[in-house]
């Protein structure tokens, strides 16, 4: 039901608040910087990538300068690898300090 779905979403949000978060990206606070939070919740029905019909998925997040890769990568992070599943759950939060451009 719709109420059940909303409760699931709310419970996911609560679980992130107690997780310690490392800040990536711009190295120091300046008035021109902002915080960007990226939350990786889960994957569903991923492609089979090994001969046994499972996968060892992870998510890689790359923070780039500007709108293209040409200006360079600022930071790259990744979730933990979840072994032997096509429906991984990460519930991982990443916090990036970014400059307004």
PDB file of N, CA and C in Angstrom:
ATOM      1  N   UNK A   1       0.830  -1.183   0.000  1.00  0.00           N
ATOM      2  CA  UNK A   1       0.000   0.000   0.000  1.00  0.00           C
ATOM      3  C   UNK A   1       0.873   1.245   0.000  1.00  0.00           C
ATOM      4  N   UNK A   2       0.267   2.363  -0.334  1.00  0.00           N
ATOM      5  CA  UNK A   2       1.007   3.619  -0.407  1.00  0.00           C
ATOM      6  C   UNK A   2       1.563   4.021   0.959  1.00  0.00           C
ATOM      7  N   UNK A   3       0.795   3.842   2.025  1.00  0.00           N
ATOM      8  CA  UNK A   3       1.274   4.184   3.365  1.00  0.00           C
ATOM      9  C   UNK A   3       2.480   3.346   3.760  1.00  0.00           C
ATOM     10  N   UNK A   4       2.451   2.051   3.403  1.00  0.00           N
ATOM     11  CA  UNK A   4       3.563   1.161   3.712  1.00  0.00           C
ATOM     12  C   UNK A   4       4.832   1.619   2.990  1.00  0.00           C
ATOM     13  N   UNK A   5       4.683   2.023   1.712  1.00  0.00           N
ATOM     14  CA  UNK A   5       5.817   2.501   0.937  1.00  0.00           C
ATOM     15  C   UNK A   5       6.401   3.765   1.559  1.00  0.00           C
ATOM     16  N   UNK A   6       5.543   4.683   1.987  1.00  0.00           N
ATOM     17  CA  UNK A   6       6.025   5.906   2.628  1.00  0.00           C
ATOM     18  C   UNK A   6       6.760   5.587   3.928  1.00  0.00           C
ATOM     19  N   UNK A   7       6.264   4.644   4.699  1.00  0.00           N
ATOM     20  CA  UNK A   7       6.923   4.267   5.949  1.00  0.00           C
ATOM     21  C   UNK A   7       8.302   3.672   5.670  1.00  0.00           C
ATOM     22  N   UNK A   8       8.414   2.873   4.596  1.00  0.00           N
ATOM     23  CA  UNK A   8       9.714   2.308   4.238  1.00  0.00           C
ATOM     24  C   UNK A   8      10.692   3.418   3.885  1.00  0.00           C
ATOM     25  N   UNK A   9      10.241   4.404   3.099  1.00  0.00           N
ATOM     26  CA  UNK A   9      11.109   5.520   2.720  1.00  0.00           C
ATOM     27  C   UNK A   9      11.546   6.304   3.949  1.00  0.00           C
ATOM     28  N   UNK A  10      10.626   6.543   4.865  1.00  0.00           N
ATOM     29  CA  UNK A  10      10.959   7.287   6.065  1.00  0.00           C
ATOM     30  C   UNK A  10      11.938   6.510   6.937  1.00  0.00           C
ATOM     31  N   UNK A  11      11.774   5.191   7.021  1.00  0.00           N
ATOM     32  CA  UNK A  11      12.696   4.406   7.837  1.00  0.00           C
ATOM     33  C   UNK A  11      14.094   4.407   7.235  1.00  0.00           C
ATOM     34  N   UNK A  12      14.196   4.442   5.887  1.00  0.00           N
ATOM     35  CA  UNK A  12      15.510   4.542   5.249  1.00  0.00           C
ATOM     36  C   UNK A  12      16.176   5.854   5.632  1.00  0.00           C
ATOM     37  N   UNK A  13      15.429   6.950   5.634  1.00  0.00           N
ATOM     38  CA  UNK A  13      15.997   8.251   5.977  1.00  0.00           C
ATOM     39  C   UNK A  13      16.514   8.264   7.401  1.00  0.00           C
ATOM     40  N   UNK A  14      15.786   7.667   8.315  1.00  0.00           N
ATOM     41  CA  UNK A  14      16.204   7.643   9.712  1.00  0.00           C
ATOM     42  C   UNK A  14      17.509   6.883   9.877  1.00  0.00           C
ATOM     43  N   UNK A  15      17.705   5.817   9.127  1.00  0.00           N
ATOM     44  CA  UNK A  15      18.892   4.990   9.308  1.00  0.00           C
ATOM     45  C   UNK A  15      20.173   5.725   8.922  1.00  0.00           C
ATOM     46  N   UNK A  16      20.088   6.757   8.077  1.00  0.00           N
ATOM     47  CA  UNK A  16      21.275   7.482   7.658  1.00  0.00           C
ATOM     48  C   UNK A  16      21.735   8.479   8.710  1.00  0.00           C
ATOM     49  N   UNK A  17      20.834   8.971   9.535  1.00  0.00           N
ATOM     50  CA  UNK A  17      21.193  10.036  10.466  1.00  0.00           C
ATOM     51  C   UNK A  17      22.205   9.582  11.513  1.00  0.00           C
ATOM     52  N   UNK A  18      22.252   8.303  11.846  1.00  0.00           N
ATOM     53  CA  UNK A  18      23.180   7.828  12.866  1.00  0.00           C
ATOM     54  C   UNK A  18      24.499   7.327  12.283  1.00  0.00           C
ATOM     55  N   UNK A  19      24.619   7.312  10.954  1.00  0.00           N
ATOM     56  CA  UNK A  19      25.819   6.815  10.301  1.00  0.00           C
ATOM     57  C   UNK A  19      26.858   7.927  10.192  1.00  0.00           C
ATOM     58  N   UNK A  20      28.097   7.712  10.685  1.00  0.00           N
ATOM     59  CA  UNK A  20      29.121   8.744  10.533  1.00  0.00           C
ATOM     60  C   UNK A  20      29.459   8.937   9.058  1.00  0.00           C
ATOM     61  N   UNK A  21      29.673  10.184   8.644  1.00  0.00           N
ATOM     62  CA  UNK A  21      29.894  10.487   7.240  1.00  0.00           C
ATOM     63  C   UNK A  21      31.205  11.255   7.087  1.00  0.00           C
ATOM     64  N   UNK A  22      32.034  10.824   6.145  1.00  0.00           N
ATOM     65  CA  UNK A  22      33.260  11.527   5.798  1.00  0.00           C
ATOM     66  C   UNK A  22      32.929  12.528   4.700  1.00  0.00           C
ATOM     67  N   UNK A  23      33.503  13.717   4.781  1.00  0.00           N
ATOM     68  CA  UNK A  23      33.276  14.721   3.739  1.00  0.00           C
ATOM     69  C   UNK A  23      34.387  14.622   2.702  1.00  0.00           C
ATOM     70  N   UNK A  24      33.996  14.542   1.429  1.00  0.00           N
ATOM     71  CA  UNK A  24      34.927  14.438   0.309  1.00  0.00           C
ATOM     72  C   UNK A  24      34.860  15.720  -0.508  1.00  0.00           C
ATOM     73  N   UNK A  25      35.724  15.842  -1.500  1.00  0.00           N
ATOM     74  CA  UNK A  25      35.656  16.981  -2.405  1.00  0.00           C
ATOM     75  C   UNK A  25      36.547  18.115  -1.973  1.00  0.00           C
ATOM     76  N   UNK A  26      36.039  19.319  -2.054  1.00  0.00           N
ATOM     77  CA  UNK A  26      36.808  20.525  -1.743  1.00  0.00           C
ATOM     78  C   UNK A  26      37.343  20.419  -0.321  1.00  0.00           C
ATOM     79  N   UNK A  27      38.634  20.650  -0.107  1.00  0.00           N
ATOM     80  CA  UNK A  27      39.264  20.331   1.171  1.00  0.00           C
ATOM     81  C   UNK A  27      38.905  21.219   2.353  1.00  0.00           C
ATOM     82  N   UNK A  28      38.407  22.404   2.134  1.00  0.00           N
ATOM     83  CA  UNK A  28      38.139  23.272   3.279  1.00  0.00           C
ATOM     84  C   UNK A  28      36.856  24.057   3.089  1.00  0.00           C
ATOM     85  N   UNK A  29      36.355  24.551   4.189  1.00  0.00           N
ATOM     86  CA  UNK A  29      35.143  25.348   4.137  1.00  0.00           C
ATOM     87  C   UNK A  29      35.467  26.752   3.646  1.00  0.00           C
ATOM     88  N   UNK A  30      34.691  27.219   2.721  1.00  0.00           N
ATOM     89  CA  UNK A  30      34.734  28.599   2.245  1.00  0.00           C
ATOM     90  C   UNK A  30      33.291  29.031   2.051  1.00  0.00           C
ATOM     91  N   UNK A  31      33.019  30.319   2.114  1.00  0.00           N
ATOM     92  CA  UNK A  31      31.632  30.770   1.919  1.00  0.00           C
ATOM     93  C   UNK A  31      31.043  30.350   0.576  1.00  0.00           C
ATOM     94  N   UNK A  32      31.895  30.128  -0.416  1.00  0.00           N
ATOM     95  CA  UNK A  32      31.394  29.761  -1.744  1.00  0.00           C
ATOM     96  C   UNK A  32      31.161  28.253  -1.902  1.00  0.00           C
ATOM     97  N   UNK A  33      31.391  27.472  -0.847  1.00  0.00           N
ATOM     98  CA  UNK A  33      31.184  26.029  -0.958  1.00  0.00           C
ATOM     99  C   UNK A  33      29.839  25.624  -0.383  1.00  0.00           C
ATOM    100  N   UNK A  34      29.340  24.511  -0.867  1.00  0.00           N
ATOM    101  CA  UNK A  34      28.078  23.937  -0.407  1.00  0.00           C
ATOM    102  C   UNK A  34      28.303  22.451  -0.171  1.00  0.00           C
ATOM    103  N   UNK A  35      27.380  21.824   0.571  1.00  0.00           N
ATOM    104  CA  UNK A  35      27.459  20.386   0.802  1.00  0.00           C
ATOM    105  C   UNK A  35      26.477  19.662  -0.110  1.00  0.00           C
ATOM    106  N   UNK A  36      26.944  18.585  -0.707  1.00  0.00           N
ATOM    107  CA  UNK A  36      26.122  17.725  -1.560  1.00  0.00           C
ATOM    108  C   UNK A  36      26.129  16.333  -0.943  1.00  0.00           C
ATOM    109  N   UNK A  37      24.962  15.832  -0.573  1.00  0.00           N
ATOM    110  CA  UNK A  37      24.857  14.491   0.001  1.00  0.00           C
ATOM    111  C   UNK A  37      24.320  13.546  -1.073  1.00  0.00           C
ATOM    112  N   UNK A  38      25.037  12.441  -1.283  1.00  0.00           N
ATOM    113  CA  UNK A  38      24.611  11.391  -2.216  1.00  0.00           C
ATOM    114  C   UNK A  38      24.315  10.155  -1.381  1.00  0.00           C
ATOM    115  N   UNK A  39      23.105   9.638  -1.524  1.00  0.00           N
ATOM    116  CA  UNK A  39      22.697   8.456  -0.764  1.00  0.00           C
ATOM    117  C   UNK A  39      22.478   7.307  -1.738  1.00  0.00           C
ATOM    118  N   UNK A  40      23.178   6.215  -1.516  1.00  0.00           N
ATOM    119  CA  UNK A  40      23.032   5.005  -2.329  1.00  0.00           C
ATOM    120  C   UNK A  40      22.252   4.009  -1.481  1.00  0.00           C
ATOM    121  N   UNK A  41      21.024   3.703  -1.883  1.00  0.00           N
ATOM    122  CA  UNK A  41      20.152   2.859  -1.074  1.00  0.00           C
ATOM    123  C   UNK A  41      20.299   1.393  -1.455  1.00  0.00           C
ATOM    124  N   UNK A  42      19.973   1.056  -2.690  1.00  0.00           N
ATOM    125  CA  UNK A  42      20.003  -0.359  -3.084  1.00  0.00           C
ATOM    126  C   UNK A  42      20.012  -0.489  -4.606  1.00  0.00           C
ATOM    127  N   UNK A  43      20.260  -1.710  -5.053  1.00  0.00           N
ATOM    128  CA  UNK A  43      20.149  -2.061  -6.457  1.00  0.00           C
ATOM    129  C   UNK A  43      19.142  -3.192  -6.587  1.00  0.00           C
ATOM    130  N   UNK A  44      18.446  -3.235  -7.692  1.00  0.00           N
ATOM    131  CA  UNK A  44      17.440  -4.282  -7.890  1.00  0.00           C
ATOM    132  C   UNK A  44      17.621  -4.939  -9.251  1.00  0.00           C
ATOM    133  N   UNK A  45      17.553  -6.248  -9.276  1.00  0.00           N
ATOM    134  CA  UNK A  45      17.615  -7.053 -10.505  1.00  0.00           C
ATOM    135  C   UNK A  45      18.811  -6.673 -11.392  1.00  0.00           C
ATOM    136  N   UNK A  46      19.982  -6.652 -10.802  1.00  0.00           N
ATOM    137  CA  UNK A  46      21.192  -6.330 -11.552  1.00  0.00           C
ATOM    138  C   UNK A  46      21.546  -7.464 -12.512  1.00  0.00           C
ATOM    139  N   UNK A  47      22.371  -7.153 -13.485  1.00  0.00           N
ATOM    140  CA  UNK A  47      22.797  -8.151 -14.469  1.00  0.00           C
ATOM    141  C   UNK A  47      23.718  -9.186 -13.818  1.00  0.00           C
ATOM    142  N   UNK A  48      23.600 -10.435 -14.255  1.00  0.00           N
ATOM    143  CA  UNK A  48      24.477 -11.506 -13.779  1.00  0.00           C
ATOM    144  C   UNK A  48      25.847 -11.300 -14.408  1.00  0.00           C
ATOM    145  N   UNK A  49      26.889 -11.261 -13.583  1.00  0.00           N
ATOM    146  CA  UNK A  49      28.222 -10.967 -14.098  1.00  0.00           C
ATOM    147  C   UNK A  49      29.237 -12.080 -13.904  1.00  0.00           C
ATOM    148  N   UNK A  50      28.863 -13.198 -13.296  1.00  0.00           N
ATOM    149  CA  UNK A  50      29.818 -14.296 -13.201  1.00  0.00           C
ATOM    150  C   UNK A  50      29.159 -15.600 -13.644  1.00  0.00           C
ATOM    151  N   UNK A  51      29.935 -16.644 -13.748  1.00  0.00           N
ATOM    152  CA  UNK A  51      29.433 -17.902 -14.298  1.00  0.00           C
ATOM    153  C   UNK A  51      28.442 -18.601 -13.376  1.00  0.00           C
ATOM    154  N   UNK A  52      28.374 -18.181 -12.125  1.00  0.00           N
ATOM    155  CA  UNK A  52      27.457 -18.809 -11.174  1.00  0.00           C
ATOM    156  C   UNK A  52      26.117 -18.097 -11.103  1.00  0.00           C
ATOM    157  N   UNK A  53      25.922 -17.050 -11.896  1.00  0.00           N
ATOM    158  CA  UNK A  53      24.639 -16.368 -11.960  1.00  0.00           C
ATOM    159  C   UNK A  53      24.439 -15.309 -10.894  1.00  0.00           C
ATOM    160  N   UNK A  54      25.498 -14.898 -10.231  1.00  0.00           N
ATOM    161  CA  UNK A  54      25.389 -13.846  -9.219  1.00  0.00           C
ATOM    162  C   UNK A  54      26.265 -12.674  -9.647  1.00  0.00           C
ATOM    163  N   UNK A  55      26.533 -11.809  -8.711  1.00  0.00           N
ATOM    164  CA  UNK A  55      27.381 -10.661  -8.979  1.00  0.00           C
ATOM    165  C   UNK A  55      27.935 -10.164  -7.649  1.00  0.00           C
ATOM    166  N   UNK A  56      28.988  -9.389  -7.687  1.00  0.00           N
ATOM    167  CA  UNK A  56      29.563  -8.758  -6.495  1.00  0.00           C
ATOM    168  C   UNK A  56      29.514  -7.243  -6.717  1.00  0.00           C
ATOM    169  N   UNK A  57      28.329  -6.641  -6.627  1.00  0.00           N
ATOM    170  CA  UNK A  57      28.163  -5.242  -7.027  1.00  0.00           C
ATOM    171  C   UNK A  57      28.678  -4.229  -6.014  1.00  0.00           C
ATOM    172  N   UNK A  58      29.037  -3.070  -6.559  1.00  0.00           N
ATOM    173  CA  UNK A  58      29.358  -1.886  -5.783  1.00  0.00           C
ATOM    174  C   UNK A  58      28.975  -0.690  -6.641  1.00  0.00           C
ATOM    175  N   UNK A  59      28.932   0.492  -6.032  1.00  0.00           N
ATOM    176  CA  UNK A  59      28.618   1.720  -6.759  1.00  0.00           C
ATOM    177  C   UNK A  59      29.817   2.649  -6.648  1.00  0.00           C
ATOM    178  N   UNK A  60      30.243   3.197  -7.779  1.00  0.00           N
ATOM    179  CA  UNK A  60      31.329   4.170  -7.807  1.00  0.00           C
ATOM    180  C   UNK A  60      30.717   5.535  -8.127  1.00  0.00           C
ATOM    181  N   UNK A  61      31.107   6.539  -7.345  1.00  0.00           N
ATOM    182  CA  UNK A  61      30.619   7.903  -7.546  1.00  0.00           C
ATOM    183  C   UNK A  61      31.834   8.775  -7.845  1.00  0.00           C
ATOM    184  N   UNK A  62      31.770   9.504  -8.951  1.00  0.00           N
ATOM    185  CA  UNK A  62      32.865  10.405  -9.332  1.00  0.00           C
ATOM    186  C   UNK A  62      32.347  11.836  -9.334  1.00  0.00           C
ATOM    187  N   UNK A  63      33.038  12.689  -8.626  1.00  0.00           N
ATOM    188  CA  UNK A  63      32.711  14.101  -8.591  1.00  0.00           C
ATOM    189  C   UNK A  63      33.647  14.800  -9.563  1.00  0.00           C
ATOM    190  N   UNK A  64      33.075  15.472 -10.568  1.00  0.00           N
ATOM    191  CA  UNK A  64      33.867  16.111 -11.616  1.00  0.00           C
ATOM    192  C   UNK A  64      33.791  17.623 -11.515  1.00  0.00           C
ATOM    193  N   UNK A  65      34.843  18.297 -11.960  1.00  0.00           N
ATOM    194  CA  UNK A  65      34.815  19.763 -12.072  1.00  0.00           C
ATOM    195  C   UNK A  65      34.073  20.121 -13.345  1.00  0.00           C
ATOM    196  N   UNK A  66      33.214  21.084 -13.274  1.00  0.00           N
ATOM    197  CA  UNK A  66      32.501  21.538 -14.460  1.00  0.00           C
ATOM    198  C   UNK A  66      31.498  20.506 -14.942  1.00  0.00           C
ATOM    199  N   UNK A  67      31.121  20.617 -16.180  1.00  0.00           N
ATOM    200  CA  UNK A  67      30.093  19.736 -16.743  1.00  0.00           C
ATOM    201  C   UNK A  67      30.666  18.543 -17.499  1.00  0.00           C
ATOM    202  N   UNK A  68      31.975  18.522 -17.683  1.00  0.00           N
ATOM    203  CA  UNK A  68      32.592  17.419 -18.421  1.00  0.00           C
ATOM    204  C   UNK A  68      33.796  16.889 -17.664  1.00  0.00           C
ATOM    205  N   UNK A  69      34.254  15.738 -18.071  1.00  0.00           N
ATOM    206  CA  UNK A  69      35.422  15.101 -17.464  1.00  0.00           C
ATOM    207  C   UNK A  69      36.708  15.856 -17.828  1.00  0.00           C
ATOM    208  N   UNK A  70      36.645  16.732 -18.848  1.00  0.00           N
ATOM    209  CA  UNK A  70      37.833  17.427 -19.346  1.00  0.00           C
ATOM    210  C   UNK A  70      38.493  18.316 -18.291  1.00  0.00           C
ATOM    211  N   UNK A  71      37.712  18.853 -17.364  1.00  0.00           N
ATOM    212  CA  UNK A  71      38.272  19.739 -16.342  1.00  0.00           C
ATOM    213  C   UNK A  71      38.869  18.983 -15.167  1.00  0.00           C
ATOM    214  N   UNK A  72      38.683  17.686 -15.125  1.00  0.00           N
ATOM    215  CA  UNK A  72      39.321  16.880 -14.095  1.00  0.00           C
ATOM    216  C   UNK A  72      38.381  16.345 -13.035  1.00  0.00           C
ATOM    217  N   UNK A  73      38.817  15.275 -12.435  1.00  0.00           N
ATOM    218  CA  UNK A  73      38.065  14.617 -11.371  1.00  0.00           C
ATOM    219  C   UNK A  73      38.488  15.195 -10.036  1.00  0.00           C
ATOM    220  N   UNK A  74      37.524  15.540  -9.197  1.00  0.00           N
ATOM    221  CA  UNK A  74      37.825  16.076  -7.882  1.00  0.00           C
ATOM    222  C   UNK A  74      37.958  14.941  -6.877  1.00  0.00           C
ATOM    223  N   UNK A  75      37.032  14.012  -6.916  1.00  0.00           N
ATOM    224  CA  UNK A  75      37.009  12.936  -5.930  1.00  0.00           C
ATOM    225  C   UNK A  75      36.281  11.729  -6.517  1.00  0.00           C
ATOM    226  N   UNK A  76      36.679  10.535  -6.102  1.00  0.00           N
ATOM    227  CA  UNK A  76      35.986   9.307  -6.478  1.00  0.00           C
ATOM    228  C   UNK A  76      35.848   8.458  -5.226  1.00  0.00           C
ATOM    229  N   UNK A  77      34.648   7.984  -4.978  1.00  0.00           N
ATOM    230  CA  UNK A  77      34.385   7.119  -3.831  1.00  0.00           C
ATOM    231  C   UNK A  77      33.579   5.923  -4.318  1.00  0.00           C
ATOM    232  N   UNK A  78      33.520   4.892  -3.493  1.00  0.00           N
ATOM    233  CA  UNK A  78      32.696   3.745  -3.854  1.00  0.00           C
ATOM    234  C   UNK A  78      32.134   3.107  -2.599  1.00  0.00           C
ATOM    235  N   UNK A  79      31.029   2.440  -2.781  1.00  0.00           N
ATOM    236  CA  UNK A  79      30.402   1.720  -1.683  1.00  0.00           C
ATOM    237  C   UNK A  79      31.190   0.452  -1.404  1.00  0.00           C
ATOM    238  N   UNK A  80      30.831  -0.227  -0.357  1.00  0.00           N
ATOM    239  CA  UNK A  80      31.404  -1.544  -0.111  1.00  0.00           C
ATOM    240  C   UNK A  80      30.849  -2.514  -1.148  1.00  0.00           C
ATOM    241  N   UNK A  81      31.585  -3.562  -1.432  1.00  0.00           N
ATOM    242  CA  UNK A  81      31.128  -4.613  -2.335  1.00  0.00           C
ATOM    243  C   UNK A  81      30.206  -5.547  -1.557  1.00  0.00           C
ATOM    244  N   UNK A  82      29.063  -5.859  -2.166  1.00  0.00           N
ATOM    245  CA  UNK A  82      28.134  -6.806  -1.557  1.00  0.00           C
ATOM    246  C   UNK A  82      28.279  -8.107  -2.348  1.00  0.00           C
ATOM    247  N   UNK A  83      28.713  -9.148  -1.707  1.00  0.00           N
ATOM    248  CA  UNK A  83      29.056 -10.402  -2.390  1.00  0.00           C
ATOM    249  C   UNK A  83      27.817 -11.207  -2.794  1.00  0.00           C
ATOM    250  N   UNK A  84      27.891 -11.802  -3.973  1.00  0.00           N
ATOM    251  CA  UNK A  84      26.959 -12.816  -4.474  1.00  0.00           C
ATOM    252  C   UNK A  84      25.493 -12.427  -4.374  1.00  0.00           C
ATOM    253  N   UNK A  85      25.138 -11.295  -4.971  1.00  0.00           N
ATOM    254  CA  UNK A  85      23.737 -10.884  -4.978  1.00  0.00           C
ATOM    255  C   UNK A  85      23.431 -10.051  -6.216  1.00  0.00           C
ATOM    256  N   UNK A  86      22.190 -10.102  -6.632  1.00  0.00           N
ATOM    257  CA  UNK A  86      21.702  -9.259  -7.724  1.00  0.00           C
ATOM    258  C   UNK A  86      20.782  -8.171  -7.190  1.00  0.00           C
ATOM    259  N   UNK A  87      20.550  -8.168  -5.877  1.00  0.00           N
ATOM    260  CA  UNK A  87      19.686  -7.190  -5.221  1.00  0.00           C
ATOM    261  C   UNK A  87      20.381  -6.635  -3.974  1.00  0.00           C
ATOM    262  N   UNK A  88      21.495  -5.921  -4.157  1.00  0.00           N
ATOM    263  CA  UNK A  88      22.275  -5.455  -3.017  1.00  0.00           C
ATOM    264  C   UNK A  88      21.598  -4.299  -2.273  1.00  0.00           C
ATOM    265  N   UNK A  89      21.891  -4.196  -0.992  1.00  0.00           N
ATOM    266  CA  UNK A  89      21.448  -3.075  -0.165  1.00  0.00           C
ATOM    267  C   UNK A  89      22.688  -2.452   0.448  1.00  0.00           C
ATOM    268  N   UNK A  90      22.867  -1.151   0.220  1.00  0.00           N
ATOM    269  CA  UNK A  90      24.030  -0.445   0.750  1.00  0.00           C
ATOM    270  C   UNK A  90      23.660   0.500   1.890  1.00  0.00           C
ATOM    271  N   UNK A  91      22.626   1.282   1.712  1.00  0.00           N
ATOM    272  CA  UNK A  91      22.273   2.330   2.687  1.00  0.00           C
ATOM    273  C   UNK A  91      23.503   3.156   3.049  1.00  0.00           C
ATOM    274  N   UNK A  92      24.228   3.603   2.032  1.00  0.00           N
ATOM    275  CA  UNK A  92      25.457   4.370   2.223  1.00  0.00           C
ATOM    276  C   UNK A  92      25.224   5.836   1.888  1.00  0.00           C
ATOM    277  N   UNK A  93      25.856   6.699   2.656  1.00  0.00           N
ATOM    278  CA  UNK A  93      25.724   8.143   2.456  1.00  0.00           C
ATOM    279  C   UNK A  93      27.110   8.738   2.251  1.00  0.00           C
ATOM    280  N   UNK A  94      27.238   9.606   1.247  1.00  0.00           N
ATOM    281  CA  UNK A  94      28.497  10.277   0.961  1.00  0.00           C
ATOM    282  C   UNK A  94      28.243  11.775   0.954  1.00  0.00           C
ATOM    283  N   UNK A  95      29.114  12.520   1.587  1.00  0.00           N
ATOM    284  CA  UNK A  95      28.965  13.962   1.679  1.00  0.00           C
ATOM    285  C   UNK A  95      30.143  14.623   0.969  1.00  0.00           C
ATOM    286  N   UNK A  96      29.817  15.462  -0.026  1.00  0.00           N
ATOM    287  CA  UNK A  96      30.845  16.153  -0.802  1.00  0.00           C
ATOM    288  C   UNK A  96      30.756  17.644  -0.548  1.00  0.00           C
ATOM    289  N   UNK A  97      31.901  18.286  -0.361  1.00  0.00           N
ATOM    290  CA  UNK A  97      31.932  19.750  -0.304  1.00  0.00           C
ATOM    291  C   UNK A  97      32.260  20.217  -1.722  1.00  0.00           C
ATOM    292  N   UNK A  98      31.399  21.041  -2.285  1.00  0.00           N
ATOM    293  CA  UNK A  98      31.560  21.489  -3.670  1.00  0.00           C
ATOM    294  C   UNK A  98      31.548  23.014  -3.737  1.00  0.00           C
ATOM    295  N   UNK A  99      32.233  23.538  -4.739  1.00  0.00           N
ATOM    296  CA  UNK A  99      32.231  24.976  -4.986  1.00  0.00           C
ATOM    297  C   UNK A  99      31.098  25.325  -5.930  1.00  0.00           C
ATOM    298  N   UNK A 100      30.468  26.437  -5.692  1.00  0.00           N
ATOM    299  CA  UNK A 100      29.444  26.917  -6.628  1.00  0.00           C
ATOM    300  C   UNK A 100      30.144  27.464  -7.856  1.00  0.00           C
ATOM    301  N   UNK A 101      29.739  26.982  -9.016  1.00  0.00           N
ATOM    302  CA  UNK A 101      30.365  27.460 -10.265  1.00  0.00           C
ATOM    303  C   UNK A 101      29.301  27.878 -11.240  1.00  0.00           C
TER     304      UNK A 101
END
